[in-house]
């Protein structure tokens, strides 16, 4: 399920949110293989006997997703599965997840809401509703959905982490941190949970603690660009500018076209006094995100009192 970019202070902090996206760096939680559910023999879901036609369409949809990443085709196959057997709850769940991947969030919300009305103790349906609502920007609705999922599955690290993400978005940092703490206690190897825990601590002004949590995330997964980006932001906030610069370089190496990382790298060049390279970096950023580039130029202008012509409006 999930990723959101947040502007915090001068630098840009990235919160890694929910899985289900095509970019592997976007995945906070479950990989797609674990998200999709076969129509039979899935733990905890007591469906009636599902028709062979529904099972076949559902399996085809899963195959389209896993082998071809063809979410549009998978969506139609899941629809056919439901038409073949309306009692296939897992087919409905898979339709909702596929719609999320197609960025059809309103429809996904309807699918999960309807599924919950049919099976009110289906934790994954609440989690799906939480994700679709999150992607739509309905953060309060997302919090409510994830809270219900967490009540059913209190030890689900994915649900706890995503609830922490949703609470972060409504600026309830204390509760957000509480759920990230629970998540890392249950799974001490979750780099994503440590990264988002660090982002939350940073938002609370607890920068040194944020650095430690983010360092833990990077130790667990050195290729997690989100954690590196966040670590660079946190290190800068405690005055470790050269160390932060090295971290931002690595984040850009891993994700060369990711605008938050490019933006933070440009500002880190400013922090270490490398004016010319900072300007070059802002020019690179311009090709990726003109708005962030304009913001970076304004910071550049204020720092060096450049001629106003250097700032593109």
C-alpha atoms as a PDB file:
ATOM      1  CA  UNK A   1       0.000   0.000   0.000  1.00  0.00           C
ATOM      2  CA  UNK A   2       1.758   3.634  -0.281  1.00  0.00           C
ATOM      3  CA  UNK A   3       4.128   7.651  -0.506  1.00  0.00           C
ATOM      4  CA  UNK A   4       3.639  11.290   0.281  1.00  0.00           C
ATOM      5  CA  UNK A   5       6.088  14.175   0.078  1.00  0.00           C
ATOM      6  CA  UNK A   6       5.930  16.667   2.918  1.00  0.00           C
ATOM      7  CA  UNK A   7       7.535  20.088   3.049  1.00  0.00           C
ATOM      8  CA  UNK A   8       8.992  20.508   6.526  1.00  0.00           C
ATOM      9  CA  UNK A   9      11.141  23.489   7.484  1.00  0.00           C
ATOM     10  CA  UNK A  10      13.482  24.304   4.593  1.00  0.00           C
ATOM     11  CA  UNK A  11      14.267  20.802   3.489  1.00  0.00           C
ATOM     12  CA  UNK A  12      11.752  18.348   2.109  1.00  0.00           C
ATOM     13  CA  UNK A  13      10.948  15.332   4.246  1.00  0.00           C
ATOM     14  CA  UNK A  14       9.489  12.263   2.572  1.00  0.00           C
ATOM     15  CA  UNK A  15       7.099   9.945   4.347  1.00  0.00           C
ATOM     16  CA  UNK A  16       7.090   6.443   2.910  1.00  0.00           C
ATOM     17  CA  UNK A  17       3.489   5.411   2.779  1.00  0.00           C
ATOM     18  CA  UNK A  18       1.628   2.164   2.044  1.00  0.00           C
ATOM     19  CA  UNK A  19       2.579  -0.534  -0.462  1.00  0.00           C
ATOM     20  CA  UNK A  20       0.659  -1.473  -3.665  1.00  0.00           C
ATOM     21  CA  UNK A  21       2.615   0.924  -5.865  1.00  0.00           C
ATOM     22  CA  UNK A  22       4.727   0.017  -8.846  1.00  0.00           C
ATOM     23  CA  UNK A  23       7.846   1.764  -7.553  1.00  0.00           C
ATOM     24  CA  UNK A  24       9.579  -0.541  -5.070  1.00  0.00           C
ATOM     25  CA  UNK A  25      10.741   2.479  -3.061  1.00  0.00           C
ATOM     26  CA  UNK A  26       7.115   3.380  -2.461  1.00  0.00           C
ATOM     27  CA  UNK A  27       6.331   0.233  -0.566  1.00  0.00           C
ATOM     28  CA  UNK A  28       5.961   0.717   3.143  1.00  0.00           C
ATOM     29  CA  UNK A  29       4.248  -2.510   3.687  1.00  0.00           C
ATOM     30  CA  UNK A  30       3.167  -5.624   1.901  1.00  0.00           C
ATOM     31  CA  UNK A  31       4.469  -6.548  -1.498  1.00  0.00           C
ATOM     32  CA  UNK A  32       1.854  -7.081  -4.175  1.00  0.00           C
ATOM     33  CA  UNK A  33       2.253 -10.853  -3.983  1.00  0.00           C
ATOM     34  CA  UNK A  34       0.963 -10.785  -0.415  1.00  0.00           C
ATOM     35  CA  UNK A  35      -1.778  -8.251  -1.038  1.00  0.00           C
ATOM     36  CA  UNK A  36      -3.744 -10.179  -3.615  1.00  0.00           C
ATOM     37  CA  UNK A  37      -5.823 -13.018  -2.226  1.00  0.00           C
ATOM     38  CA  UNK A  38      -6.642 -16.347  -3.857  1.00  0.00           C
ATOM     39  CA  UNK A  39     -10.347 -17.104  -3.883  1.00  0.00           C
ATOM     40  CA  UNK A  40      -9.902 -20.214  -1.752  1.00  0.00           C
ATOM     41  CA  UNK A  41      -7.920 -21.308   1.297  1.00  0.00           C
ATOM     42  CA  UNK A  42      -7.084 -17.834   2.574  1.00  0.00           C
ATOM     43  CA  UNK A  43      -6.614 -17.634   6.325  1.00  0.00           C
ATOM     44  CA  UNK A  44      -9.392 -16.083   8.341  1.00  0.00           C
ATOM     45  CA  UNK A  45     -11.898 -15.599   5.529  1.00  0.00           C
ATOM     46  CA  UNK A  46     -14.751 -18.083   5.603  1.00  0.00           C
ATOM     47  CA  UNK A  47     -16.223 -17.620   2.138  1.00  0.00           C
ATOM     48  CA  UNK A  48     -18.962 -19.958   0.973  1.00  0.00           C
ATOM     49  CA  UNK A  49     -18.000 -22.420  -1.721  1.00  0.00           C
ATOM     50  CA  UNK A  50     -16.834 -20.181  -4.553  1.00  0.00           C
ATOM     51  CA  UNK A  51     -17.726 -21.041  -8.136  1.00  0.00           C
ATOM     52  CA  UNK A  52     -15.009 -22.351 -10.415  1.00  0.00           C
ATOM     53  CA  UNK A  53     -15.588 -19.456 -12.802  1.00  0.00           C
ATOM     54  CA  UNK A  54     -14.965 -16.887 -10.057  1.00  0.00           C
ATOM     55  CA  UNK A  55     -11.823 -18.689  -8.948  1.00  0.00           C
ATOM     56  CA  UNK A  56     -10.554 -18.795 -12.516  1.00  0.00           C
ATOM     57  CA  UNK A  57     -11.167 -15.085 -13.203  1.00  0.00           C
ATOM     58  CA  UNK A  58      -9.642 -14.162  -9.843  1.00  0.00           C
ATOM     59  CA  UNK A  59      -6.513 -16.224 -10.527  1.00  0.00           C
ATOM     60  CA  UNK A  60      -6.186 -14.665 -13.968  1.00  0.00           C
ATOM     61  CA  UNK A  61      -6.421 -11.217 -12.396  1.00  0.00           C
ATOM     62  CA  UNK A  62      -3.677 -12.051  -9.915  1.00  0.00           C
ATOM     63  CA  UNK A  63      -1.493 -13.322 -12.759  1.00  0.00           C
ATOM     64  CA  UNK A  64      -2.051 -10.142 -14.785  1.00  0.00           C
ATOM     65  CA  UNK A  65      -0.928  -8.112 -11.799  1.00  0.00           C
ATOM     66  CA  UNK A  66       2.089 -10.138 -10.752  1.00  0.00           C
ATOM     67  CA  UNK A  67       3.540 -11.078 -14.133  1.00  0.00           C
ATOM     68  CA  UNK A  68       2.480  -8.172 -16.347  1.00  0.00           C
ATOM     69  CA  UNK A  69       1.680  -5.330 -13.909  1.00  0.00           C
ATOM     70  CA  UNK A  70      -1.395  -4.794 -16.056  1.00  0.00           C
ATOM     71  CA  UNK A  71      -3.756  -3.367 -13.449  1.00  0.00           C
ATOM     72  CA  UNK A  72      -6.440  -2.280 -15.916  1.00  0.00           C
ATOM     73  CA  UNK A  73      -6.775  -5.802 -17.304  1.00  0.00           C
ATOM     74  CA  UNK A  74      -6.666  -7.257 -13.791  1.00  0.00           C
ATOM     75  CA  UNK A  75      -9.478  -4.942 -12.715  1.00  0.00           C
ATOM     76  CA  UNK A  76     -11.762  -6.244 -15.461  1.00  0.00           C
ATOM     77  CA  UNK A  77     -10.961  -9.838 -14.550  1.00  0.00           C
ATOM     78  CA  UNK A  78     -11.810  -9.210 -10.898  1.00  0.00           C
ATOM     79  CA  UNK A  79     -15.098  -7.645 -12.007  1.00  0.00           C
ATOM     80  CA  UNK A  80     -15.889 -10.798 -13.983  1.00  0.00           C
ATOM     81  CA  UNK A  81     -15.044 -12.906 -10.944  1.00  0.00           C
ATOM     82  CA  UNK A  82     -17.594 -10.984  -8.867  1.00  0.00           C
ATOM     83  CA  UNK A  83     -20.185 -11.272 -11.635  1.00  0.00           C
ATOM     84  CA  UNK A  84     -19.594 -15.019 -11.638  1.00  0.00           C
ATOM     85  CA  UNK A  85     -20.003 -15.252  -7.861  1.00  0.00           C
ATOM     86  CA  UNK A  86     -21.049 -12.285  -5.747  1.00  0.00           C
ATOM     87  CA  UNK A  87     -20.068 -14.189  -2.576  1.00  0.00           C
ATOM     88  CA  UNK A  88     -16.375 -14.095  -3.453  1.00  0.00           C
ATOM     89  CA  UNK A  89     -15.205 -11.597  -0.848  1.00  0.00           C
ATOM     90  CA  UNK A  90     -11.580 -11.978  -1.846  1.00  0.00           C
ATOM     91  CA  UNK A  91     -12.449 -11.157  -5.445  1.00  0.00           C
ATOM     92  CA  UNK A  92     -14.032  -7.926  -4.182  1.00  0.00           C
ATOM     93  CA  UNK A  93     -10.945  -7.169  -2.109  1.00  0.00           C
ATOM     94  CA  UNK A  94      -8.693  -7.766  -5.118  1.00  0.00           C
ATOM     95  CA  UNK A  95     -10.875  -5.480  -7.225  1.00  0.00           C
ATOM     96  CA  UNK A  96     -10.406  -2.724  -4.645  1.00  0.00           C
ATOM     97  CA  UNK A  97      -6.610  -3.140  -4.547  1.00  0.00           C
ATOM     98  CA  UNK A  98      -6.456  -3.168  -8.333  1.00  0.00           C
ATOM     99  CA  UNK A  99      -8.503   0.033  -8.517  1.00  0.00           C
ATOM    100  CA  UNK A 100      -6.033   1.661  -6.126  1.00  0.00           C
ATOM    101  CA  UNK A 101      -3.206   0.707  -8.457  1.00  0.00           C
ATOM    102  CA  UNK A 102      -5.199   2.287 -11.294  1.00  0.00           C
ATOM    103  CA  UNK A 103      -5.526   5.429  -9.131  1.00  0.00           C
ATOM    104  CA  UNK A 104      -9.319   5.131  -9.186  1.00  0.00           C
ATOM    105  CA  UNK A 105      -9.637   5.950  -5.523  1.00  0.00           C
ATOM    106  CA  UNK A 106     -13.313   6.933  -5.408  1.00  0.00           C
ATOM    107  CA  UNK A 107     -14.359   3.637  -6.940  1.00  0.00           C
ATOM    108  CA  UNK A 108     -11.993   1.713  -4.673  1.00  0.00           C
ATOM    109  CA  UNK A 109     -13.558   3.395  -1.638  1.00  0.00           C
ATOM    110  CA  UNK A 110     -17.002   2.260  -2.813  1.00  0.00           C
ATOM    111  CA  UNK A 111     -15.782  -1.310  -3.338  1.00  0.00           C
ATOM    112  CA  UNK A 112     -14.216  -1.570   0.119  1.00  0.00           C
ATOM    113  CA  UNK A 113     -17.177   0.123   1.798  1.00  0.00           C
ATOM    114  CA  UNK A 114     -19.532  -2.346   0.170  1.00  0.00           C
ATOM    115  CA  UNK A 115     -17.288  -5.260   1.136  1.00  0.00           C
ATOM    116  CA  UNK A 116     -17.281  -4.115   4.764  1.00  0.00           C
ATOM    117  CA  UNK A 117     -21.084  -4.009   4.716  1.00  0.00           C
ATOM    118  CA  UNK A 118     -21.030  -7.668   3.650  1.00  0.00           C
ATOM    119  CA  UNK A 119     -18.299  -8.773   6.065  1.00  0.00           C
ATOM    120  CA  UNK A 120     -17.783  -6.387   8.965  1.00  0.00           C
ATOM    121  CA  UNK A 121     -14.873  -8.315  10.534  1.00  0.00           C
ATOM    122  CA  UNK A 122     -12.683  -8.308   7.414  1.00  0.00           C
ATOM    123  CA  UNK A 123      -9.539  -6.471   8.570  1.00  0.00           C
ATOM    124  CA  UNK A 124      -7.994  -6.249   5.100  1.00  0.00           C
ATOM    125  CA  UNK A 125     -11.122  -4.571   3.760  1.00  0.00           C
ATOM    126  CA  UNK A 126     -10.755  -1.826   6.375  1.00  0.00           C
ATOM    127  CA  UNK A 127      -7.051  -1.565   5.495  1.00  0.00           C
ATOM    128  CA  UNK A 128      -7.950  -1.236   1.823  1.00  0.00           C
ATOM    129  CA  UNK A 129     -10.461   1.483   2.665  1.00  0.00           C
ATOM    130  CA  UNK A 130      -7.783   3.200   4.733  1.00  0.00           C
ATOM    131  CA  UNK A 131      -5.348   3.159   1.837  1.00  0.00           C
ATOM    132  CA  UNK A 132      -7.810   4.347  -0.790  1.00  0.00           C
ATOM    133  CA  UNK A 133      -8.931   7.158   1.506  1.00  0.00           C
ATOM    134  CA  UNK A 134      -5.310   8.094   2.212  1.00  0.00           C
ATOM    135  CA  UNK A 135      -4.499   8.280  -1.483  1.00  0.00           C
ATOM    136  CA  UNK A 136      -7.577  10.442  -1.998  1.00  0.00           C
ATOM    137  CA  UNK A 137      -6.385  12.799   0.739  1.00  0.00           C
ATOM    138  CA  UNK A 138      -9.216  11.866   3.108  1.00  0.00           C
ATOM    139  CA  UNK A 139      -6.928  11.438   6.075  1.00  0.00           C
ATOM    140  CA  UNK A 140      -9.528  11.445   8.839  1.00  0.00           C
ATOM    141  CA  UNK A 141     -11.478   8.763   7.003  1.00  0.00           C
ATOM    142  CA  UNK A 142      -8.239   6.837   6.561  1.00  0.00           C
ATOM    143  CA  UNK A 143      -7.494   7.029  10.292  1.00  0.00           C
ATOM    144  CA  UNK A 144     -10.950   5.676  11.135  1.00  0.00           C
ATOM    145  CA  UNK A 145     -10.604   2.772   8.707  1.00  0.00           C
ATOM    146  CA  UNK A 146      -7.139   1.797   9.913  1.00  0.00           C
ATOM    147  CA  UNK A 147      -8.257   2.042  13.535  1.00  0.00           C
ATOM    148  CA  UNK A 148     -10.955  -0.536  12.810  1.00  0.00           C
ATOM    149  CA  UNK A 149      -8.450  -2.770  11.034  1.00  0.00           C
ATOM    150  CA  UNK A 150      -6.081  -2.480  14.002  1.00  0.00           C
ATOM    151  CA  UNK A 151      -8.871  -3.417  16.410  1.00  0.00           C
ATOM    152  CA  UNK A 152      -9.422  -6.643  14.471  1.00  0.00           C
ATOM    153  CA  UNK A 153      -5.703  -7.331  13.887  1.00  0.00           C
ATOM    154  CA  UNK A 154      -3.869  -5.584  16.774  1.00  0.00           C
ATOM    155  CA  UNK A 155      -0.513  -7.158  15.924  1.00  0.00           C
ATOM    156  CA  UNK A 156      -0.502  -6.420  12.187  1.00  0.00           C
ATOM    157  CA  UNK A 157       2.634  -4.326  11.652  1.00  0.00           C
ATOM    158  CA  UNK A 158       1.402  -3.102   8.273  1.00  0.00           C
ATOM    159  CA  UNK A 159      -1.870  -1.829   9.665  1.00  0.00           C
ATOM    160  CA  UNK A 160      -0.163  -0.191  12.649  1.00  0.00           C
ATOM    161  CA  UNK A 161       2.372   1.515  10.398  1.00  0.00           C
ATOM    162  CA  UNK A 162      -0.256   2.805   7.996  1.00  0.00           C
ATOM    163  CA  UNK A 163      -2.357   4.057  10.882  1.00  0.00           C
ATOM    164  CA  UNK A 164       0.736   5.914  12.050  1.00  0.00           C
ATOM    165  CA  UNK A 165       1.061   7.440   8.568  1.00  0.00           C
ATOM    166  CA  UNK A 166      -2.551   8.607   8.507  1.00  0.00           C
ATOM    167  CA  UNK A 167      -2.274  10.131  11.981  1.00  0.00           C
ATOM    168  CA  UNK A 168       0.895  11.911  10.862  1.00  0.00           C
ATOM    169  CA  UNK A 169      -1.048  13.545   8.051  1.00  0.00           C
ATOM    170  CA  UNK A 170      -3.579  15.041  10.463  1.00  0.00           C
ATOM    171  CA  UNK A 171      -0.669  16.192  12.653  1.00  0.00           C
ATOM    172  CA  UNK A 172      -1.528  13.913  15.565  1.00  0.00           C
ATOM    173  CA  UNK A 173       2.144  13.178  16.067  1.00  0.00           C
ATOM    174  CA  UNK A 174       1.859  11.731  19.563  1.00  0.00           C
ATOM    175  CA  UNK A 175      -0.555   9.026  18.448  1.00  0.00           C
ATOM    176  CA  UNK A 176       1.380   8.525  15.221  1.00  0.00           C
ATOM    177  CA  UNK A 177       4.552   7.853  17.183  1.00  0.00           C
ATOM    178  CA  UNK A 178       2.667   5.483  19.473  1.00  0.00           C
ATOM    179  CA  UNK A 179       1.707   3.253  16.543  1.00  0.00           C
ATOM    180  CA  UNK A 180       5.169   3.368  14.987  1.00  0.00           C
ATOM    181  CA  UNK A 181       6.609   2.370  18.368  1.00  0.00           C
ATOM    182  CA  UNK A 182       4.233  -0.578  18.457  1.00  0.00           C
ATOM    183  CA  UNK A 183       5.158  -1.505  14.884  1.00  0.00           C
ATOM    184  CA  UNK A 184       8.915  -1.562  15.465  1.00  0.00           C
ATOM    185  CA  UNK A 185       8.455  -3.485  18.711  1.00  0.00           C
ATOM    186  CA  UNK A 186       6.540  -6.163  16.813  1.00  0.00           C
ATOM    187  CA  UNK A 187       8.953  -6.082  13.871  1.00  0.00           C
ATOM    188  CA  UNK A 188      12.407  -4.725  14.782  1.00  0.00           C
ATOM    189  CA  UNK A 189      13.490  -5.303  11.167  1.00  0.00           C
ATOM    190  CA  UNK A 190      10.968  -2.978   9.541  1.00  0.00           C
ATOM    191  CA  UNK A 191      13.066  -0.286   7.858  1.00  0.00           C
ATOM    192  CA  UNK A 192       9.950   1.489   6.637  1.00  0.00           C
ATOM    193  CA  UNK A 193       8.438   1.755  10.103  1.00  0.00           C
ATOM    194  CA  UNK A 194      11.722   3.088  11.519  1.00  0.00           C
ATOM    195  CA  UNK A 195      11.943   5.612   8.684  1.00  0.00           C
ATOM    196  CA  UNK A 196       8.441   6.947   9.258  1.00  0.00           C
ATOM    197  CA  UNK A 197       8.981   6.877  13.009  1.00  0.00           C
ATOM    198  CA  UNK A 198      11.988   9.101  12.395  1.00  0.00           C
ATOM    199  CA  UNK A 199       9.923  11.460  10.257  1.00  0.00           C
ATOM    200  CA  UNK A 200       7.384  11.721  13.062  1.00  0.00           C
ATOM    201  CA  UNK A 201      10.033  12.427  15.690  1.00  0.00           C
ATOM    202  CA  UNK A 202      11.437  15.112  13.421  1.00  0.00           C
ATOM    203  CA  UNK A 203       8.016  16.719  13.070  1.00  0.00           C
ATOM    204  CA  UNK A 204       7.787  16.750  16.871  1.00  0.00           C
ATOM    205  CA  UNK A 205      11.091  18.623  17.106  1.00  0.00           C
ATOM    206  CA  UNK A 206      12.893  15.616  18.574  1.00  0.00           C
ATOM    207  CA  UNK A 207      15.658  15.772  15.990  1.00  0.00           C
ATOM    208  CA  UNK A 208      18.363  13.742  17.717  1.00  0.00           C
ATOM    209  CA  UNK A 209      15.936  10.892  18.317  1.00  0.00           C
ATOM    210  CA  UNK A 210      14.833  11.194  14.702  1.00  0.00           C
ATOM    211  CA  UNK A 211      18.428  10.742  13.550  1.00  0.00           C
ATOM    212  CA  UNK A 212      18.764   7.529  15.569  1.00  0.00           C
ATOM    213  CA  UNK A 213      15.539   6.064  14.209  1.00  0.00           C
ATOM    214  CA  UNK A 214      16.479   6.970  10.638  1.00  0.00           C
ATOM    215  CA  UNK A 215      19.966   5.553  11.052  1.00  0.00           C
ATOM    216  CA  UNK A 216      18.348   2.322  12.171  1.00  0.00           C
ATOM    217  CA  UNK A 217      16.159   2.352   9.042  1.00  0.00           C
ATOM    218  CA  UNK A 218      19.189   2.850   6.792  1.00  0.00           C
ATOM    219  CA  UNK A 219      21.127   0.118   8.598  1.00  0.00           C
ATOM    220  CA  UNK A 220      18.246  -2.262   7.966  1.00  0.00           C
ATOM    221  CA  UNK A 221      17.802  -1.222   4.334  1.00  0.00           C
ATOM    222  CA  UNK A 222      20.680   0.838   2.900  1.00  0.00           C
ATOM    223  CA  UNK A 223      18.864   1.274  -0.439  1.00  0.00           C
ATOM    224  CA  UNK A 224      15.758   2.907   1.060  1.00  0.00           C
ATOM    225  CA  UNK A 225      16.033   6.361  -0.491  1.00  0.00           C
ATOM    226  CA  UNK A 226      13.189   7.757   1.614  1.00  0.00           C
ATOM    227  CA  UNK A 227      15.043   6.943   4.822  1.00  0.00           C
ATOM    228  CA  UNK A 228      18.278   8.417   3.469  1.00  0.00           C
ATOM    229  CA  UNK A 229      16.481  11.586   2.406  1.00  0.00           C
ATOM    230  CA  UNK A 230      14.890  11.916   5.839  1.00  0.00           C
ATOM    231  CA  UNK A 231      18.184  11.173   7.574  1.00  0.00           C
ATOM    232  CA  UNK A 232      19.879  13.955   5.633  1.00  0.00           C
ATOM    233  CA  UNK A 233      17.164  16.390   6.715  1.00  0.00           C
ATOM    234  CA  UNK A 234      17.508  15.344  10.358  1.00  0.00           C
ATOM    235  CA  UNK A 235      21.313  15.482  10.319  1.00  0.00           C
ATOM    236  CA  UNK A 236      21.200  19.001   8.887  1.00  0.00           C
ATOM    237  CA  UNK A 237      18.875  20.060  11.695  1.00  0.00           C
ATOM    238  CA  UNK A 238      21.451  19.061  14.323  1.00  0.00           C
ATOM    239  CA  UNK A 239      24.327  20.745  12.501  1.00  0.00           C
ATOM    240  CA  UNK A 240      25.943  17.712  10.865  1.00  0.00           C
ATOM    241  CA  UNK A 241      25.968  19.288   7.426  1.00  0.00           C
ATOM    242  CA  UNK A 242      28.823  17.373   5.812  1.00  0.00           C
ATOM    243  CA  UNK A 243      27.446  14.039   6.968  1.00  0.00           C
ATOM    244  CA  UNK A 244      24.006  15.073   5.738  1.00  0.00           C
ATOM    245  CA  UNK A 245      25.456  15.999   2.346  1.00  0.00           C
ATOM    246  CA  UNK A 246      26.912  12.514   1.875  1.00  0.00           C
ATOM    247  CA  UNK A 247      23.546  10.996   2.740  1.00  0.00           C
ATOM    248  CA  UNK A 248      21.721  13.217   0.242  1.00  0.00           C
ATOM    249  CA  UNK A 249      24.203  12.245  -2.465  1.00  0.00           C
ATOM    250  CA  UNK A 250      23.392   8.587  -1.832  1.00  0.00           C
ATOM    251  CA  UNK A 251      19.637   9.245  -1.903  1.00  0.00           C
ATOM    252  CA  UNK A 252      19.977  10.891  -5.331  1.00  0.00           C
ATOM    253  CA  UNK A 253      22.208   8.094  -6.575  1.00  0.00           C
ATOM    254  CA  UNK A 254      19.486   5.614  -5.671  1.00  0.00           C
ATOM    255  CA  UNK A 255      16.625   7.729  -7.071  1.00  0.00           C
ATOM    256  CA  UNK A 256      18.134  10.186  -9.562  1.00  0.00           C
ATOM    257  CA  UNK A 257      14.812  11.658 -10.711  1.00  0.00           C
ATOM    258  CA  UNK A 258      13.123  11.981  -7.336  1.00  0.00           C
ATOM    259  CA  UNK A 259      12.434  15.672  -6.773  1.00  0.00           C
ATOM    260  CA  UNK A 260      12.609  15.768  -2.918  1.00  0.00           C
ATOM    261  CA  UNK A 261      16.043  14.144  -3.006  1.00  0.00           C
ATOM    262  CA  UNK A 262      17.262  16.491  -5.756  1.00  0.00           C
ATOM    263  CA  UNK A 263      15.924  19.495  -3.866  1.00  0.00           C
ATOM    264  CA  UNK A 264      17.574  18.493  -0.619  1.00  0.00           C
ATOM    265  CA  UNK A 265      20.857  17.777  -2.368  1.00  0.00           C
ATOM    266  CA  UNK A 266      20.826  21.270  -3.893  1.00  0.00           C
ATOM    267  CA  UNK A 267      20.248  22.811  -0.466  1.00  0.00           C
ATOM    268  CA  UNK A 268      22.922  20.639   1.085  1.00  0.00           C
ATOM    269  CA  UNK A 269      25.417  22.072  -1.409  1.00  0.00           C
ATOM    270  CA  UNK A 270      24.394  25.490  -0.120  1.00  0.00           C
ATOM    271  CA  UNK A 271      24.874  24.319   3.466  1.00  0.00           C
ATOM    272  CA  UNK A 272      28.463  23.240   2.805  1.00  0.00           C
ATOM    273  CA  UNK A 273      29.193  26.435   0.838  1.00  0.00           C
ATOM    274  CA  UNK A 274      29.420  24.949  -2.659  1.00  0.00           C
ATOM    275  CA  UNK A 275      27.553  27.684  -4.513  1.00  0.00           C
ATOM    276  CA  UNK A 276      28.336  26.731  -8.121  1.00  0.00           C
ATOM    277  CA  UNK A 277      27.352  23.084  -7.733  1.00  0.00           C
ATOM    278  CA  UNK A 278      24.179  24.141  -5.926  1.00  0.00           C
ATOM    279  CA  UNK A 279      23.174  26.200  -8.963  1.00  0.00           C
ATOM    280  CA  UNK A 280      23.887  23.258 -11.251  1.00  0.00           C
ATOM    281  CA  UNK A 281      21.804  21.002  -9.036  1.00  0.00           C
ATOM    282  CA  UNK A 282      18.882  23.434  -9.105  1.00  0.00           C
ATOM    283  CA  UNK A 283      19.050  23.406 -12.915  1.00  0.00           C
ATOM    284  CA  UNK A 284      18.794  19.611 -12.852  1.00  0.00           C
ATOM    285  CA  UNK A 285      15.842  19.872 -10.487  1.00  0.00           C
ATOM    286  CA  UNK A 286      14.159  22.307 -12.886  1.00  0.00           C
ATOM    287  CA  UNK A 287      13.741  19.474 -15.409  1.00  0.00           C
ATOM    288  CA  UNK A 288      11.994  17.317 -12.811  1.00  0.00           C
ATOM    289  CA  UNK A 289       9.976  19.717 -10.645  1.00  0.00           C
ATOM    290  CA  UNK A 290       9.826  23.387 -11.625  1.00  0.00           C
ATOM    291  CA  UNK A 291       7.987  24.417  -8.434  1.00  0.00           C
ATOM    292  CA  UNK A 292      10.592  22.933  -6.116  1.00  0.00           C
ATOM    293  CA  UNK A 293      13.318  24.415  -8.317  1.00  0.00           C
ATOM    294  CA  UNK A 294      11.745  27.870  -7.955  1.00  0.00           C
ATOM    295  CA  UNK A 295      11.628  27.395  -4.183  1.00  0.00           C
ATOM    296  CA  UNK A 296      15.292  26.354  -4.160  1.00  0.00           C
ATOM    297  CA  UNK A 297      16.273  29.394  -6.236  1.00  0.00           C
ATOM    298  CA  UNK A 298      14.567  31.716  -3.784  1.00  0.00           C
ATOM    299  CA  UNK A 299      16.511  30.142  -0.923  1.00  0.00           C
ATOM    300  CA  UNK A 300      19.669  30.446  -2.999  1.00  0.00           C
ATOM    301  CA  UNK A 301      18.906  34.122  -3.643  1.00  0.00           C
ATOM    302  CA  UNK A 302      18.317  34.892   0.023  1.00  0.00           C
ATOM    303  CA  UNK A 303      21.523  33.152   1.050  1.00  0.00           C
ATOM    304  CA  UNK A 304      23.811  34.804  -1.464  1.00  0.00           C
ATOM    305  CA  UNK A 305      21.928  38.052  -2.179  1.00  0.00           C
ATOM    306  CA  UNK A 306      21.972  37.343  -5.887  1.00  0.00           C
ATOM    307  CA  UNK A 307      20.450  39.511  -8.534  1.00  0.00           C
ATOM    308  CA  UNK A 308      16.718  38.937  -8.674  1.00  0.00           C
ATOM    309  CA  UNK A 309      17.049  37.719 -12.257  1.00  0.00           C
ATOM    310  CA  UNK A 310      18.449  34.496 -10.820  1.00  0.00           C
ATOM    311  CA  UNK A 311      15.016  33.714  -9.403  1.00  0.00           C
ATOM    312  CA  UNK A 312      12.625  32.379 -12.045  1.00  0.00           C
ATOM    313  CA  UNK A 313       9.045  33.204 -11.204  1.00  0.00           C
END
